[in-house]
Amino acid sequence: MSSYREFEAEREKIDFLLEQGYMIKGVTENLNGAFLEFEYQGSEVEKNKQEVLQILHPDARKYFSTILVQQQKKQKV
């Protein structure tokens, strides 16, 4: 798979979870990439739903960093 396609696949996974109502709640980085922890922001009954994605591509890591900054700005408003 080409490098761009790898980035696209990881970006689509991130976007899919965000569209489903998840928010990034934690990031664990290591030499192999990053693990993103998502938490569902819907109803109280489903509040404990969590997902974890491993992100390997450097451009996808930049992408989720931008999303984190946007989320922090929204929380301050």
C-alpha atoms as a PDB file:
ATOM      1  CA  MET A   1       0.000   0.000   0.000  1.00  0.00           C
ATOM      2  CA  SER A   2       1.336   3.431  -0.837  1.00  0.00           C
ATOM      3  CA  SER A   3       2.161   5.891   1.893  1.00  0.00           C
ATOM      4  CA  TYR A   4      -0.702   8.187   0.925  1.00  0.00           C
ATOM      5  CA  ARG A   5      -3.205   5.327   0.985  1.00  0.00           C
ATOM      6  CA  GLU A   6      -2.023   4.365   4.474  1.00  0.00           C
ATOM      7  CA  PHE A   7      -2.620   7.936   5.606  1.00  0.00           C
ATOM      8  CA  GLU A   8      -6.057   8.000   3.964  1.00  0.00           C
ATOM      9  CA  ALA A   9      -7.077   4.752   5.666  1.00  0.00           C
ATOM     10  CA  GLU A  10      -6.057   6.010   9.108  1.00  0.00           C
ATOM     11  CA  ARG A  11      -7.703   9.401   8.544  1.00  0.00           C
ATOM     12  CA  GLU A  12     -10.943   7.715   7.501  1.00  0.00           C
ATOM     13  CA  LYS A  13     -10.959   5.613  10.686  1.00  0.00           C
ATOM     14  CA  ILE A  14     -10.482   8.738  12.805  1.00  0.00           C
ATOM     15  CA  ASP A  15     -13.168  10.644  10.898  1.00  0.00           C
ATOM     16  CA  PHE A  16     -15.602   7.733  11.159  1.00  0.00           C
ATOM     17  CA  LEU A  17     -15.350   7.620  14.954  1.00  0.00           C
ATOM     18  CA  LEU A  18     -15.691  11.399  15.220  1.00  0.00           C
ATOM     19  CA  GLU A  19     -18.801  11.312  13.016  1.00  0.00           C
ATOM     20  CA  GLN A  20     -20.273   8.594  15.246  1.00  0.00           C
ATOM     21  CA  GLY A  21     -20.079  10.931  18.250  1.00  0.00           C
ATOM     22  CA  TYR A  22     -16.731   9.967  19.776  1.00  0.00           C
ATOM     23  CA  MET A  23     -14.105  12.406  21.073  1.00  0.00           C
ATOM     24  CA  ILE A  24     -10.408  11.846  21.571  1.00  0.00           C
ATOM     25  CA  LYS A  25      -9.841  11.393  25.306  1.00  0.00           C
ATOM     26  CA  GLY A  26      -6.255  10.220  25.415  1.00  0.00           C
ATOM     27  CA  VAL A  27      -3.113   9.693  23.393  1.00  0.00           C
ATOM     28  CA  THR A  28      -0.283   7.296  24.140  1.00  0.00           C
ATOM     29  CA  GLU A  29       2.709   7.719  21.864  1.00  0.00           C
ATOM     30  CA  ASN A  30       5.623   5.363  21.415  1.00  0.00           C
ATOM     31  CA  LEU A  31       8.257   4.614  18.788  1.00  0.00           C
ATOM     32  CA  ASN A  32       5.749   2.598  16.740  1.00  0.00           C
ATOM     33  CA  GLY A  33       3.138   5.336  16.473  1.00  0.00           C
ATOM     34  CA  ALA A  34       0.315   6.468  18.687  1.00  0.00           C
ATOM     35  CA  PHE A  35      -2.716   4.910  20.343  1.00  0.00           C
ATOM     36  CA  LEU A  36      -5.794   7.122  20.326  1.00  0.00           C
ATOM     37  CA  GLU A  37      -8.425   6.546  22.986  1.00  0.00           C
ATOM     38  CA  PHE A  38     -11.908   7.651  21.960  1.00  0.00           C
ATOM     39  CA  GLU A  39     -14.904   8.050  24.269  1.00  0.00           C
ATOM     40  CA  TYR A  40     -18.513   8.196  23.103  1.00  0.00           C
ATOM     41  CA  GLN A  41     -20.233  11.508  23.801  1.00  0.00           C
ATOM     42  CA  GLY A  42     -23.833  10.428  23.258  1.00  0.00           C
ATOM     43  CA  SER A  43     -26.438   9.412  25.812  1.00  0.00           C
ATOM     44  CA  GLU A  44     -25.539   8.714  29.432  1.00  0.00           C
ATOM     45  CA  VAL A  45     -26.338   5.025  29.013  1.00  0.00           C
ATOM     46  CA  GLU A  46     -23.703   4.636  26.312  1.00  0.00           C
ATOM     47  CA  LYS A  47     -21.204   7.094  27.849  1.00  0.00           C
ATOM     48  CA  ASN A  48     -18.757   4.319  28.752  1.00  0.00           C
ATOM     49  CA  LYS A  49     -18.289   3.178  25.150  1.00  0.00           C
ATOM     50  CA  GLN A  50     -14.639   3.474  24.187  1.00  0.00           C
ATOM     51  CA  GLU A  51     -12.551   2.685  21.133  1.00  0.00           C
ATOM     52  CA  VAL A  52      -8.776   2.566  20.611  1.00  0.00           C
ATOM     53  CA  LEU A  53      -6.990   3.126  17.292  1.00  0.00           C
ATOM     54  CA  GLN A  54      -3.326   2.636  16.543  1.00  0.00           C
ATOM     55  CA  ILE A  55      -2.003   5.371  14.280  1.00  0.00           C
ATOM     56  CA  LEU A  56       1.246   4.663  12.466  1.00  0.00           C
ATOM     57  CA  HIS A  57       1.511   7.221   9.673  1.00  0.00           C
ATOM     58  CA  PRO A  58       3.204  10.546  10.563  1.00  0.00           C
ATOM     59  CA  ASP A  59       0.665  12.595   8.594  1.00  0.00           C
ATOM     60  CA  ALA A  60      -2.208  10.908  10.429  1.00  0.00           C
ATOM     61  CA  ARG A  61      -0.494  11.823  13.703  1.00  0.00           C
ATOM     62  CA  LYS A  62      -0.405  15.469  12.577  1.00  0.00           C
ATOM     63  CA  TYR A  63      -4.063  15.179  11.593  1.00  0.00           C
ATOM     64  CA  PHE A  64      -5.254  13.989  14.986  1.00  0.00           C
ATOM     65  CA  SER A  65      -3.102  16.634  16.692  1.00  0.00           C
ATOM     66  CA  THR A  66      -5.069  19.279  14.820  1.00  0.00           C
ATOM     67  CA  ILE A  67      -8.331  17.667  15.924  1.00  0.00           C
ATOM     68  CA  LEU A  68      -7.155  17.684  19.552  1.00  0.00           C
ATOM     69  CA  VAL A  69      -6.466  21.429  19.378  1.00  0.00           C
ATOM     70  CA  GLN A  70      -9.937  22.023  17.907  1.00  0.00           C
ATOM     71  CA  GLN A  71     -11.548  19.947  20.664  1.00  0.00           C
ATOM     72  CA  GLN A  72      -9.711  21.933  23.340  1.00  0.00           C
ATOM     73  CA  LYS A  73     -10.846  25.233  21.827  1.00  0.00           C
ATOM     74  CA  LYS A  74     -14.473  24.046  21.824  1.00  0.00           C
ATOM     75  CA  GLN A  75     -14.257  23.011  25.488  1.00  0.00           C
ATOM     76  CA  LYS A  76     -12.996  26.458  26.514  1.00  0.00           C
ATOM     77  CA  VAL A  77     -15.921  28.258  24.854  1.00  0.00           C
END
